[in-house]
Every structure is written in C-alpha cells, then in structure tokens.
Amino acid sequence: MDSALPLPYLVHQSDSCCVHQPATTHPLILVVEDDDDNLLLIRYALESFGCRFVGQEDSRNALHTAKECKPDLILMDILLPNVDGIQLVQHLKQDEATRDIPVIAVTALAKLEDRENLLLAGFVDYVSKPYMLDDLEAAIRRHLR
C-alpha cells in the first residue's frame, strides 16, 4: 500500500495486527486480501459504507487478527498464498473465538460449483470479482449483526 495515503480506518501493524479502538457504532470489517490494489479499493468502499477497516495481506496472520480485533464481519479472498481462503474459513469456524463471525468470500472464482463449495466450507455469502460496489455493500449489510 502507498504509505503516503492517509489511512484513518486502517488498523494494521506488523506485530500486533490490530490496535484496539474505542467502541463505535461503525462496524469493523477485517479484509483478508493479498493484492494491494484490491485491498485499497475495498478500504475506500468500506469507508464510504460507514465501516471501519482492518486489512491483512498474510493469510497466516488472519486468524490471529480475527481473534485480536473481533471484527463484525470478514471479507476474504480465496486464492491466497500459503493458506487458501477455504482452509482459513474452516479454521475460523472451528475456533470458539471466531466461529460466529460472518465471512464473505470475495473472489474471482465464478462457477456455480465454486459458489456452492464456498458456502459449504463456511462462508455466509459470495461476491464475485470484479464486483459492483452496490453488490459488495448489499452483501455486507445482509450479514452485519
């Protein structure tokens, strides 16, 4: 990410991954995405939706980030290096601290069987890349508590 850009909603650090913020009415969304451009686009979209943002590019650290930050919702790419999104959502659903967090797949996998497999793996919804911002917002609003 371009460090010159102001990142008021980016709650992301190399060690702790999440800075605890005061309670707010703005939902916190964890985005697990390894592409910097996609991460930046989602960050701007979430800001426009009135959400706070925490980004995680490394799938290996995403479980820790979810436990520490306790997001209201997770947006997750599927084709991630190291641990793919399907394995990661299964780990999230097996952990008592994260099992109730809704996870939406945001991915280029677009076949009907891909969607069915993602829902069976534990994702609550699916947004196909490239996506319209209205579709992303609708999916997020459907699953926020």
Protein backbone atom coordinates (compact mmCIF):
# COMPACT_ATOMS: atom_id res chain seq x y z
CA MET A 1 0.00 0.00 0.00
CA ASP A 2 1.11 3.54 -0.62
CA SER A 3 2.30 4.80 2.75
CA ALA A 4 1.75 8.41 1.64
CA LEU A 5 -2.01 7.93 1.68
CA PRO A 6 -3.81 8.77 4.90
CA LEU A 7 -5.24 5.61 6.39
CA PRO A 8 -7.70 6.69 9.06
CA TYR A 9 -9.52 3.37 9.13
CA LEU A 10 -6.56 1.12 8.52
CA VAL A 11 -5.94 -0.58 11.81
CA HIS A 12 -2.91 -2.58 10.75
CA GLN A 13 0.51 -3.04 12.26
CA SER A 14 3.22 -5.57 11.55
CA ASP A 15 3.39 -7.02 15.07
CA SER A 16 0.05 -6.71 16.79
CA CYS A 17 -2.03 -6.52 13.58
CA CYS A 18 -4.73 -4.60 15.35
CA VAL A 19 -4.89 -1.54 17.54
CA HIS A 20 -7.79 -1.60 19.97
CA GLN A 21 -10.12 1.30 19.35
CA PRO A 22 -12.97 2.64 21.45
CA ALA A 23 -16.38 1.11 20.85
CA THR A 24 -18.21 2.73 17.99
CA THR A 25 -21.40 2.30 16.03
CA HIS A 26 -19.32 1.82 12.87
CA PRO A 27 -18.84 -1.89 12.20
CA LEU A 28 -15.29 -3.22 11.97
CA ILE A 29 -14.58 -5.27 8.85
CA LEU A 30 -11.49 -7.47 8.53
CA VAL A 31 -10.37 -7.79 4.91
CA VAL A 32 -8.06 -10.68 4.01
CA GLU A 33 -6.67 -9.85 0.57
CA ASP A 34 -3.15 -10.32 -0.79
CA ASP A 35 -3.46 -7.79 -3.65
CA ASP A 36 -2.62 -4.23 -2.56
CA ASP A 37 -4.85 -2.60 -5.19
CA ASN A 38 -7.86 -4.71 -4.20
CA LEU A 39 -7.19 -4.00 -0.53
CA LEU A 40 -7.09 -0.26 -1.19
CA LEU A 41 -10.30 -0.38 -3.25
CA ILE A 42 -12.14 -2.29 -0.53
CA ARG A 43 -10.81 0.11 2.10
CA TYR A 44 -12.27 3.10 0.24
CA ALA A 45 -15.54 1.27 -0.34
CA LEU A 46 -15.87 0.35 3.34
CA GLU A 47 -15.19 3.94 4.37
CA SER A 48 -17.98 5.11 2.06
CA PHE A 49 -20.30 2.50 3.64
CA GLY A 50 -19.55 3.88 7.12
CA CYS A 51 -17.41 0.93 8.21
CA ARG A 52 -14.02 0.72 9.91
CA PHE A 53 -11.34 -1.35 8.24
CA VAL A 54 -8.55 -3.67 9.25
CA GLY A 55 -6.53 -5.22 6.45
CA GLN A 56 -4.50 -8.39 6.48
CA GLU A 57 -2.45 -9.38 3.44
CA ASP A 58 -1.00 -12.50 5.03
CA SER A 59 -3.44 -15.38 5.35
CA ARG A 60 -1.24 -16.96 8.04
CA ASN A 61 -1.86 -13.97 10.33
CA ALA A 62 -5.55 -13.54 9.55
CA LEU A 63 -6.75 -15.94 12.27
CA HIS A 64 -4.73 -14.06 14.90
CA THR A 65 -6.06 -10.74 13.59
CA ALA A 66 -9.65 -12.01 13.78
CA LYS A 67 -9.17 -13.16 17.39
CA GLU A 68 -7.49 -9.93 18.45
CA CYS A 69 -9.72 -7.43 16.64
CA LYS A 70 -13.04 -9.29 16.91
CA PRO A 71 -14.42 -7.83 13.66
CA ASP A 72 -18.14 -7.68 12.96
CA LEU A 73 -17.57 -9.30 9.57
CA ILE A 74 -14.73 -10.67 7.43
CA LEU A 75 -14.28 -10.20 3.68
CA MET A 76 -11.88 -12.82 2.34
CA ASP A 77 -10.21 -13.57 -0.95
CA ILE A 78 -9.97 -17.27 -1.74
CA LEU A 79 -6.81 -17.50 -3.82
CA LEU A 80 -4.35 -16.53 -1.10
CA PRO A 81 -0.71 -17.59 -0.78
CA ASN A 82 0.25 -20.05 1.97
CA VAL A 83 -3.22 -20.86 3.33
CA ASP A 84 -6.14 -20.52 0.91
CA GLY A 85 -9.41 -18.90 1.90
CA ILE A 86 -11.28 -22.19 2.21
CA GLN A 87 -8.77 -23.57 4.71
CA LEU A 88 -8.76 -20.26 6.56
CA VAL A 89 -12.55 -20.07 6.90
CA GLN A 90 -12.56 -23.64 8.20
CA HIS A 91 -10.02 -22.67 10.88
CA LEU A 92 -12.14 -19.63 11.78
CA LYS A 93 -15.28 -21.76 12.10
CA GLN A 94 -13.50 -24.32 14.32
CA ASP A 95 -12.26 -21.69 16.77
CA GLU A 96 -14.69 -20.69 19.51
CA ALA A 97 -13.41 -17.10 19.45
CA THR A 98 -14.15 -16.61 15.74
CA ARG A 99 -16.80 -19.15 14.72
CA ASP A 100 -19.70 -16.68 14.88
CA ILE A 101 -18.06 -14.01 12.72
CA PRO A 102 -19.74 -13.99 9.30
CA VAL A 103 -17.23 -14.45 6.47
CA ILE A 104 -17.98 -13.35 2.90
CA ALA A 105 -15.90 -14.72 0.02
CA VAL A 106 -14.71 -12.01 -2.37
CA THR A 107 -13.14 -13.90 -5.25
CA ALA A 108 -12.66 -14.34 -8.97
CA LEU A 109 -13.90 -17.95 -8.72
CA ALA A 110 -17.19 -17.58 -10.53
CA LYS A 111 -18.62 -21.00 -11.37
CA LEU A 112 -21.82 -22.16 -9.68
CA GLU A 113 -19.96 -25.13 -8.18
CA ASP A 114 -17.36 -22.72 -6.72
CA ARG A 115 -20.13 -20.76 -5.01
CA GLU A 116 -21.70 -23.93 -3.62
CA ASN A 117 -18.33 -25.20 -2.34
CA LEU A 118 -17.62 -21.87 -0.64
CA LEU A 119 -20.98 -21.86 1.13
CA LEU A 120 -20.44 -25.47 2.23
CA ALA A 121 -16.97 -24.56 3.55
CA GLY A 122 -18.44 -21.96 5.92
CA PHE A 123 -18.75 -18.70 4.02
CA VAL A 124 -22.09 -16.95 4.54
CA ASP A 125 -22.08 -15.22 1.16
CA TYR A 126 -20.13 -14.72 -2.03
CA VAL A 127 -19.19 -11.64 -4.08
CA SER A 128 -17.59 -12.27 -7.45
CA LYS A 129 -14.66 -10.16 -8.71
CA PRO A 130 -14.91 -7.84 -10.45
CA TYR A 131 -17.84 -6.63 -8.38
CA MET A 132 -20.10 -3.62 -8.32
CA LEU A 133 -19.83 -1.60 -5.12
CA ASP A 134 -23.61 -1.87 -4.66
CA ASP A 135 -23.31 -5.68 -4.66
CA LEU A 136 -20.48 -5.57 -2.11
CA GLU A 137 -22.43 -3.21 0.13
CA ALA A 138 -25.60 -5.32 -0.11
CA ALA A 139 -23.70 -8.47 0.91
CA ILE A 140 -22.09 -6.67 3.85
CA ARG A 141 -25.39 -5.19 5.07
CA ARG A 142 -27.12 -8.59 4.85
CA HIS A 143 -24.70 -10.12 7.32
CA LEU A 144 -23.88 -7.37 9.80
CA ARG A 145 -25.42 -8.05 13.20
